[in-house]
Amino acid sequence: MATAPAANPYAGLPKVGAKAVKELEAACRAEGGTPSWNPKTVFDVVNVSPDGRPDYLIDTHAMACEGGITPWIGSDGFRHILFISTGPGRWTRAFDRGARGFDIIAPKGGGRPQVIVFSHSAYCTRPNPERFMRCTQIYEWRGGKLRKVSEEWFEG
């Protein structure tokens, strides 16, 4: 009995997003693992740019590398890849690194959506006031780039 072909797990992602997921899968295989993920949980349609087109976030929390070293997690957290639309059918990879926490918040009453990143101290640009501190970085899409608008230290 023939089985139905598997659904395209990259359906719904722009080509640049599908390419990024395939790169993550290749990194897993290079470590001797088998990539495992669910298309419904590994990427989200988000809103960061003001153009009304979908932006995409790949959150590697939802990916596993069975039987191998998971190459997208380290002391800096899970890798997050954010693609922001730059026009019809075009996206730019605006963010691609590890983070201990990552969220996108639309301000109440309007304004620019903010990308909030809880970062390892290696990514914080201000001098570290004490050892082992981390920072909260807030980014906004301005002038065609994801720009940091604030950074604060915290313990944890």
N, C-alpha and C. Protein backbone atom coordinates (compact mmCIF):
# COMPACT_ATOMS: atom_id res chain seq x y z
N MET A 1 0.83 -1.17 0.00
CA MET A 1 0.00 0.00 0.00
C MET A 1 0.89 1.25 0.00
N ALA A 2 0.64 2.15 -0.92
CA ALA A 2 1.43 3.38 -1.03
C ALA A 2 0.96 4.38 0.02
N THR A 3 1.93 5.10 0.55
CA THR A 3 1.59 6.15 1.51
C THR A 3 1.58 7.49 0.80
N ALA A 4 0.81 8.39 1.34
CA ALA A 4 0.73 9.73 0.75
C ALA A 4 2.05 10.45 0.99
N PRO A 5 2.49 11.27 0.03
CA PRO A 5 3.73 12.01 0.24
C PRO A 5 3.58 12.97 1.41
N ALA A 6 4.67 13.15 2.12
CA ALA A 6 4.67 14.06 3.26
C ALA A 6 4.40 15.48 2.79
N ALA A 7 3.69 16.23 3.61
CA ALA A 7 3.42 17.63 3.28
C ALA A 7 4.74 18.40 3.30
N ASN A 8 4.82 19.42 2.49
CA ASN A 8 6.02 20.24 2.44
C ASN A 8 6.17 21.00 3.76
N PRO A 9 7.17 20.66 4.57
CA PRO A 9 7.31 21.33 5.87
C PRO A 9 7.70 22.81 5.74
N TYR A 10 8.15 23.21 4.58
CA TYR A 10 8.58 24.59 4.36
C TYR A 10 7.46 25.46 3.78
N ALA A 11 6.31 24.84 3.53
CA ALA A 11 5.18 25.60 2.97
C ALA A 11 4.82 26.74 3.90
N GLY A 12 4.60 27.88 3.34
CA GLY A 12 4.26 29.05 4.14
C GLY A 12 5.44 29.92 4.50
N LEU A 13 6.63 29.38 4.39
CA LEU A 13 7.84 30.17 4.65
C LEU A 13 8.34 30.79 3.35
N PRO A 14 8.87 32.01 3.41
CA PRO A 14 9.52 32.53 2.21
C PRO A 14 10.77 31.69 1.92
N LYS A 15 11.28 31.77 0.72
CA LYS A 15 12.46 30.97 0.34
C LYS A 15 13.63 31.20 1.29
N VAL A 16 13.85 32.45 1.74
CA VAL A 16 14.97 32.70 2.66
C VAL A 16 14.75 32.00 3.99
N GLY A 17 13.50 31.89 4.45
CA GLY A 17 13.21 31.19 5.69
C GLY A 17 13.40 29.70 5.55
N ALA A 18 12.93 29.14 4.44
CA ALA A 18 13.12 27.71 4.18
C ALA A 18 14.61 27.38 4.10
N LYS A 19 15.37 28.27 3.47
CA LYS A 19 16.82 28.06 3.36
C LYS A 19 17.46 28.04 4.75
N ALA A 20 17.03 28.93 5.64
CA ALA A 20 17.58 28.98 7.00
C ALA A 20 17.28 27.69 7.76
N VAL A 21 16.06 27.17 7.64
CA VAL A 21 15.71 25.92 8.31
C VAL A 21 16.55 24.77 7.74
N LYS A 22 16.73 24.75 6.43
CA LYS A 22 17.56 23.70 5.81
C LYS A 22 19.01 23.81 6.30
N GLU A 23 19.51 25.03 6.53
CA GLU A 23 20.86 25.21 7.08
C GLU A 23 20.95 24.63 8.49
N LEU A 24 19.91 24.85 9.30
CA LEU A 24 19.87 24.28 10.65
C LEU A 24 19.85 22.76 10.59
N GLU A 25 19.05 22.20 9.68
CA GLU A 25 19.00 20.75 9.52
C GLU A 25 20.37 20.19 9.11
N ALA A 26 21.06 20.88 8.20
CA ALA A 26 22.38 20.44 7.76
C ALA A 26 23.38 20.50 8.91
N ALA A 27 23.28 21.52 9.76
CA ALA A 27 24.18 21.62 10.92
C ALA A 27 23.95 20.45 11.87
N CYS A 28 22.71 20.05 12.06
CA CYS A 28 22.39 18.90 12.90
C CYS A 28 23.00 17.63 12.31
N ARG A 29 22.79 17.42 11.01
CA ARG A 29 23.34 16.23 10.36
C ARG A 29 24.86 16.20 10.44
N ALA A 30 25.51 17.37 10.34
CA ALA A 30 26.96 17.45 10.44
C ALA A 30 27.45 17.02 11.82
N GLU A 31 26.58 17.11 12.83
CA GLU A 31 26.92 16.68 14.20
C GLU A 31 26.51 15.23 14.45
N GLY A 32 26.06 14.54 13.40
CA GLY A 32 25.68 13.14 13.54
C GLY A 32 24.24 12.93 14.00
N GLY A 33 23.43 13.99 13.95
CA GLY A 33 22.06 13.89 14.43
C GLY A 33 21.04 13.84 13.30
N THR A 34 19.81 13.67 13.70
CA THR A 34 18.68 13.68 12.79
C THR A 34 17.77 14.84 13.20
N PRO A 35 17.58 15.82 12.31
CA PRO A 35 16.73 16.95 12.68
C PRO A 35 15.27 16.55 12.80
N SER A 36 14.61 17.14 13.78
CA SER A 36 13.20 16.88 14.01
C SER A 36 12.54 18.19 14.42
N TRP A 37 11.47 18.52 13.71
CA TRP A 37 10.76 19.76 14.05
C TRP A 37 9.38 19.73 13.43
N ASN A 38 8.52 20.57 13.97
CA ASN A 38 7.15 20.67 13.51
C ASN A 38 6.98 22.05 12.86
N PRO A 39 6.58 22.11 11.60
CA PRO A 39 6.44 23.40 10.93
C PRO A 39 5.46 24.34 11.63
N LYS A 40 4.54 23.78 12.42
CA LYS A 40 3.57 24.63 13.11
C LYS A 40 4.17 25.32 14.33
N THR A 41 5.32 24.84 14.80
CA THR A 41 5.90 25.43 16.00
C THR A 41 7.28 26.04 15.79
N VAL A 42 7.97 25.72 14.71
CA VAL A 42 9.33 26.22 14.53
C VAL A 42 9.37 27.64 13.97
N PHE A 43 8.33 28.06 13.27
CA PHE A 43 8.33 29.43 12.79
C PHE A 43 6.97 30.08 13.02
N ASP A 44 7.05 31.37 13.26
CA ASP A 44 5.84 32.16 13.50
C ASP A 44 5.78 33.31 12.52
N VAL A 45 4.59 33.65 12.12
CA VAL A 45 4.37 34.87 11.37
C VAL A 45 4.23 35.97 12.41
N VAL A 46 5.06 37.01 12.30
CA VAL A 46 5.09 38.10 13.27
C VAL A 46 4.94 39.43 12.54
N ASN A 47 4.83 40.49 13.30
CA ASN A 47 4.73 41.82 12.71
C ASN A 47 5.76 42.73 13.35
N VAL A 48 6.79 43.07 12.60
CA VAL A 48 7.83 43.98 13.08
C VAL A 48 7.89 45.22 12.20
N SER A 49 7.83 45.03 10.90
CA SER A 49 7.90 46.17 9.98
C SER A 49 6.51 46.77 9.79
N PRO A 50 6.44 48.05 9.43
CA PRO A 50 5.14 48.70 9.29
C PRO A 50 4.49 48.51 7.93
N ASP A 51 5.03 47.64 7.08
CA ASP A 51 4.52 47.55 5.71
C ASP A 51 3.28 46.67 5.55
N GLY A 52 2.83 46.03 6.62
CA GLY A 52 1.64 45.19 6.54
C GLY A 52 1.89 43.81 5.97
N ARG A 53 3.10 43.52 5.53
CA ARG A 53 3.44 42.19 5.02
C ARG A 53 3.94 41.31 6.17
N PRO A 54 3.82 40.00 6.04
CA PRO A 54 4.26 39.14 7.13
C PRO A 54 5.78 39.14 7.29
N ASP A 55 6.20 39.14 8.53
CA ASP A 55 7.60 38.92 8.90
C ASP A 55 7.62 37.53 9.54
N TYR A 56 8.79 36.90 9.62
CA TYR A 56 8.87 35.51 10.09
C TYR A 56 9.95 35.36 11.15
N LEU A 57 9.62 34.59 12.18
CA LEU A 57 10.57 34.28 13.24
C LEU A 57 10.76 32.77 13.30
N ILE A 58 12.01 32.34 13.21
CA ILE A 58 12.36 30.94 13.43
C ILE A 58 12.93 30.86 14.84
N ASP A 59 12.29 30.05 15.68
CA ASP A 59 12.69 29.88 17.07
C ASP A 59 13.14 28.43 17.23
N THR A 60 14.42 28.21 17.47
CA THR A 60 14.95 26.85 17.50
C THR A 60 14.59 26.08 18.77
N HIS A 61 13.84 26.70 19.70
CA HIS A 61 13.30 25.92 20.83
C HIS A 61 12.49 24.74 20.31
N ALA A 62 11.87 24.93 19.18
CA ALA A 62 10.96 23.92 18.63
C ALA A 62 11.67 22.91 17.73
N MET A 63 13.00 22.92 17.72
CA MET A 63 13.74 21.97 16.88
C MET A 63 14.55 21.03 17.77
N ALA A 64 14.67 19.81 17.34
CA ALA A 64 15.50 18.84 18.04
C ALA A 64 16.53 18.28 17.07
N CYS A 65 17.64 17.84 17.62
CA CYS A 65 18.68 17.18 16.84
C CYS A 65 18.90 15.83 17.51
N GLU A 66 18.05 14.88 17.15
CA GLU A 66 18.04 13.56 17.78
C GLU A 66 19.34 12.81 17.52
N GLY A 67 19.98 12.36 18.60
CA GLY A 67 21.17 11.54 18.48
C GLY A 67 22.45 12.31 18.20
N GLY A 68 22.41 13.61 18.23
CA GLY A 68 23.61 14.40 17.97
C GLY A 68 23.66 15.62 18.88
N ILE A 69 24.71 16.38 18.75
CA ILE A 69 24.84 17.63 19.48
C ILE A 69 23.91 18.64 18.81
N THR A 70 23.15 19.37 19.60
CA THR A 70 22.23 20.36 19.05
C THR A 70 23.02 21.65 18.80
N PRO A 71 23.30 21.97 17.54
CA PRO A 71 24.20 23.08 17.23
C PRO A 71 23.60 24.47 17.38
N TRP A 72 22.30 24.57 17.63
CA TRP A 72 21.69 25.91 17.71
C TRP A 72 21.39 26.35 19.13
N ILE A 73 22.00 25.68 20.10
CA ILE A 73 21.86 26.13 21.49
C ILE A 73 23.23 26.15 22.14
N GLY A 74 23.46 27.19 22.93
CA GLY A 74 24.72 27.32 23.64
C GLY A 74 24.52 28.13 24.91
N SER A 75 25.59 28.60 25.49
CA SER A 75 25.50 29.37 26.72
C SER A 75 24.74 30.67 26.52
N ASP A 76 24.60 31.09 25.27
CA ASP A 76 23.86 32.31 24.97
C ASP A 76 22.38 32.05 24.71
N GLY A 77 21.92 30.81 24.81
CA GLY A 77 20.51 30.48 24.63
C GLY A 77 20.24 29.85 23.28
N PHE A 78 18.98 29.77 22.92
CA PHE A 78 18.55 29.22 21.64
C PHE A 78 18.69 30.27 20.54
N ARG A 79 18.95 29.79 19.35
CA ARG A 79 19.10 30.69 18.20
C ARG A 79 17.72 31.15 17.72
N HIS A 80 17.64 32.44 17.41
CA HIS A 80 16.43 33.05 16.86
C HIS A 80 16.81 33.73 15.56
N ILE A 81 16.03 33.47 14.53
CA ILE A 81 16.29 34.07 13.21
C ILE A 81 15.03 34.83 12.81
N LEU A 82 15.17 36.14 12.61
CA LEU A 82 14.04 37.00 12.28
C LEU A 82 14.21 37.54 10.87
N PHE A 83 13.21 37.27 10.04
CA PHE A 83 13.18 37.79 8.67
C PHE A 83 12.13 38.89 8.61
N ILE A 84 12.53 40.06 8.15
CA ILE A 84 11.62 41.20 8.05
C ILE A 84 11.42 41.54 6.58
N SER A 85 10.15 41.75 6.21
CA SER A 85 9.83 42.03 4.81
C SER A 85 10.39 43.39 4.40
N THR A 86 10.88 43.43 3.18
CA THR A 86 11.43 44.68 2.62
C THR A 86 10.73 45.03 1.32
N GLY A 87 9.61 44.41 1.07
CA GLY A 87 8.85 44.66 -0.14
C GLY A 87 8.15 43.39 -0.56
N PRO A 88 7.36 43.47 -1.61
CA PRO A 88 6.64 42.27 -2.07
C PRO A 88 7.59 41.12 -2.40
N GLY A 89 7.43 40.01 -1.68
CA GLY A 89 8.23 38.83 -1.95
C GLY A 89 9.70 38.95 -1.55
N ARG A 90 10.05 39.92 -0.69
CA ARG A 90 11.46 40.11 -0.28
C ARG A 90 11.54 40.21 1.24
N TRP A 91 12.55 39.56 1.81
CA TRP A 91 12.80 39.59 3.24
C TRP A 91 14.29 39.71 3.48
N THR A 92 14.64 40.34 4.59
CA THR A 92 16.04 40.41 5.00
C THR A 92 16.17 39.70 6.35
N ARG A 93 17.31 39.04 6.52
CA ARG A 93 17.60 38.38 7.80
C ARG A 93 18.07 39.48 8.74
N ALA A 94 17.17 39.95 9.59
CA ALA A 94 17.44 41.11 10.44
C ALA A 94 18.06 40.73 11.77
N PHE A 95 17.85 39.49 12.23
CA PHE A 95 18.38 39.04 13.51
C PHE A 95 18.69 37.56 13.37
N ASP A 96 19.88 37.16 13.84
CA ASP A 96 20.26 35.75 13.75
C ASP A 96 21.34 35.48 14.77
N ARG A 97 20.91 35.11 15.98
CA ARG A 97 21.86 34.74 17.02
C ARG A 97 21.12 34.13 18.19
N GLY A 98 21.90 33.65 19.14
CA GLY A 98 21.32 33.08 20.34
C GLY A 98 20.76 34.15 21.25
N ALA A 99 19.76 33.77 22.02
CA ALA A 99 19.16 34.66 23.01
C ALA A 99 18.53 33.81 24.10
N ARG A 100 18.60 34.29 25.31
CA ARG A 100 17.99 33.59 26.44
C ARG A 100 16.48 33.78 26.47
N GLY A 101 16.02 34.83 25.82
CA GLY A 101 14.60 35.10 25.69
C GLY A 101 14.40 36.02 24.51
N PHE A 102 13.27 35.89 23.85
CA PHE A 102 13.00 36.68 22.65
C PHE A 102 11.50 36.89 22.56
N ASP A 103 11.09 38.15 22.39
CA ASP A 103 9.66 38.43 22.29
C ASP A 103 9.45 39.64 21.39
N ILE A 104 8.29 39.69 20.78
CA ILE A 104 7.91 40.84 19.95
C ILE A 104 6.63 41.39 20.55
N ILE A 105 6.66 42.67 20.88
CA ILE A 105 5.52 43.30 21.54
C ILE A 105 5.06 44.51 20.73
N ALA A 106 3.77 44.55 20.47
CA ALA A 106 3.18 45.71 19.81
C ALA A 106 2.71 46.66 20.91
N PRO A 107 3.22 47.88 20.92
CA PRO A 107 2.82 48.82 21.98
C PRO A 107 1.32 49.11 21.93
N LYS A 108 0.74 49.25 23.11
CA LYS A 108 -0.68 49.60 23.19
C LYS A 108 -0.85 51.03 22.71
N GLY A 109 -1.89 51.26 21.96
CA GLY A 109 -2.15 52.60 21.45
C GLY A 109 -1.35 52.95 20.21
N GLY A 110 -0.73 51.95 19.58
CA GLY A 110 0.03 52.20 18.36
C GLY A 110 1.52 52.35 18.63
N GLY A 111 2.23 52.72 17.63
CA GLY A 111 3.69 52.81 17.74
C GLY A 111 4.36 51.64 17.08
N ARG A 112 5.66 51.65 17.11
CA ARG A 112 6.46 50.59 16.48
C ARG A 112 6.50 49.34 17.34
N PRO A 113 6.32 48.18 16.72
CA PRO A 113 6.53 46.95 17.47
C PRO A 113 7.98 46.90 17.97
N GLN A 114 8.16 46.31 19.14
CA GLN A 114 9.50 46.20 19.72
C GLN A 114 9.91 44.74 19.81
N VAL A 115 11.17 44.50 19.47
CA VAL A 115 11.77 43.18 19.61
C VAL A 115 12.58 43.23 20.90
N ILE A 116 12.21 42.40 21.86
CA ILE A 116 12.84 42.40 23.17
C ILE A 116 13.68 41.13 23.28
N VAL A 117 14.97 41.32 23.55
CA VAL A 117 15.92 40.20 23.57
C VAL A 117 16.63 40.19 24.92
N PHE A 118 16.59 39.04 25.59
CA PHE A 118 17.38 38.84 26.81
C PHE A 118 18.68 38.18 26.38
N SER A 119 19.77 38.93 26.50
CA SER A 119 21.02 38.53 25.88
C SER A 119 22.10 38.11 26.87
N HIS A 120 22.95 37.22 26.41
CA HIS A 120 24.20 36.86 27.08
C HIS A 120 25.07 38.11 27.13
N SER A 121 25.89 38.24 28.14
CA SER A 121 26.71 39.46 28.29
C SER A 121 27.62 39.72 27.10
N ALA A 122 27.97 38.70 26.35
CA ALA A 122 28.84 38.89 25.19
C ALA A 122 28.18 39.76 24.12
N TYR A 123 26.85 39.82 24.11
CA TYR A 123 26.14 40.62 23.11
C TYR A 123 25.80 42.02 23.61
N CYS A 124 26.02 42.28 24.88
CA CYS A 124 25.69 43.58 25.45
C CYS A 124 26.83 44.56 25.15
N THR A 125 26.48 45.76 24.75
CA THR A 125 27.52 46.70 24.33
C THR A 125 28.00 47.62 25.44
N ARG A 126 27.16 47.88 26.42
CA ARG A 126 27.58 48.74 27.53
C ARG A 126 28.50 47.94 28.45
N PRO A 127 29.39 48.60 29.19
CA PRO A 127 30.27 47.87 30.12
C PRO A 127 29.46 47.10 31.15
N ASN A 128 29.88 45.89 31.41
CA ASN A 128 29.21 45.01 32.36
C ASN A 128 29.53 45.47 33.78
N PRO A 129 28.51 45.88 34.57
CA PRO A 129 28.78 46.39 35.90
C PRO A 129 29.27 45.33 36.88
N GLU A 130 28.88 44.08 36.68
CA GLU A 130 29.32 42.98 37.54
C GLU A 130 29.45 41.73 36.69
N ARG A 131 30.21 40.77 37.18
CA ARG A 131 30.37 39.52 36.44
C ARG A 131 29.04 38.79 36.33
N PHE A 132 28.89 38.07 35.26
CA PHE A 132 27.77 37.17 35.02
C PHE A 132 26.42 37.86 34.87
N MET A 133 26.42 39.14 34.57
CA MET A 133 25.16 39.82 34.32
C MET A 133 24.79 39.66 32.85
N ARG A 134 23.53 39.87 32.55
CA ARG A 134 23.02 39.81 31.18
C ARG A 134 22.27 41.11 30.92
N CYS A 135 21.87 41.32 29.69
CA CYS A 135 21.16 42.56 29.40
C CYS A 135 19.88 42.30 28.63
N THR A 136 18.98 43.23 28.78
CA THR A 136 17.76 43.27 27.98
C THR A 136 18.01 44.29 26.90
N GLN A 137 17.85 43.89 25.66
CA GLN A 137 18.02 44.79 24.53
C GLN A 137 16.66 44.95 23.84
N ILE A 138 16.34 46.18 23.49
CA ILE A 138 15.10 46.45 22.78
C ILE A 138 15.45 47.02 21.41
N TYR A 139 14.86 46.41 20.39
CA TYR A 139 15.10 46.81 19.00
C TYR A 139 13.79 47.26 18.36
N GLU A 140 13.92 48.16 17.38
CA GLU A 140 12.79 48.57 16.55
C GLU A 140 13.25 48.61 15.10
N TRP A 141 12.31 48.37 14.20
CA TRP A 141 12.59 48.45 12.76
C TRP A 141 12.49 49.92 12.37
N ARG A 142 13.63 50.51 12.04
CA ARG A 142 13.68 51.93 11.68
C ARG A 142 14.61 52.11 10.49
N GLY A 143 14.15 52.86 9.51
CA GLY A 143 14.99 53.16 8.36
C GLY A 143 15.51 51.93 7.64
N GLY A 144 14.71 50.88 7.58
CA GLY A 144 15.11 49.67 6.86
C GLY A 144 16.09 48.78 7.60
N LYS A 145 16.27 49.00 8.93
CA LYS A 145 17.17 48.16 9.73
C LYS A 145 16.58 47.92 11.10
N LEU A 146 16.94 46.80 11.70
CA LEU A 146 16.58 46.52 13.08
C LEU A 146 17.61 47.24 13.94
N ARG A 147 17.16 48.27 14.65
CA ARG A 147 18.08 49.12 15.41
C ARG A 147 17.81 48.99 16.91
N LYS A 148 18.92 48.89 17.67
CA LYS A 148 18.79 48.82 19.12
C LYS A 148 18.42 50.21 19.64
N VAL A 149 17.35 50.27 20.45
CA VAL A 149 16.92 51.55 21.01
C VAL A 149 17.20 51.64 22.51
N SER A 150 17.45 50.49 23.16
CA SER A 150 17.84 50.54 24.57
C SER A 150 18.51 49.24 24.98
N GLU A 151 19.23 49.35 26.11
CA GLU A 151 19.91 48.18 26.67
C GLU A 151 20.06 48.41 28.17
N GLU A 152 19.64 47.43 28.96
CA GLU A 152 19.73 47.52 30.41
C GLU A 152 20.28 46.20 30.96
N TRP A 153 21.10 46.28 32.01
CA TRP A 153 21.66 45.09 32.65
C TRP A 153 20.68 44.50 33.64
N PHE A 154 20.75 43.17 33.82
CA PHE A 154 19.99 42.52 34.88
C PHE A 154 20.79 41.31 35.35
N GLU A 155 20.51 40.83 36.54
CA GLU A 155 21.16 39.65 37.07
C GLU A 155 20.31 38.43 36.74
N GLY A 156 20.97 37.33 36.49
CA GLY A 156 20.20 36.11 36.24
C GLY A 156 20.76 35.25 35.18
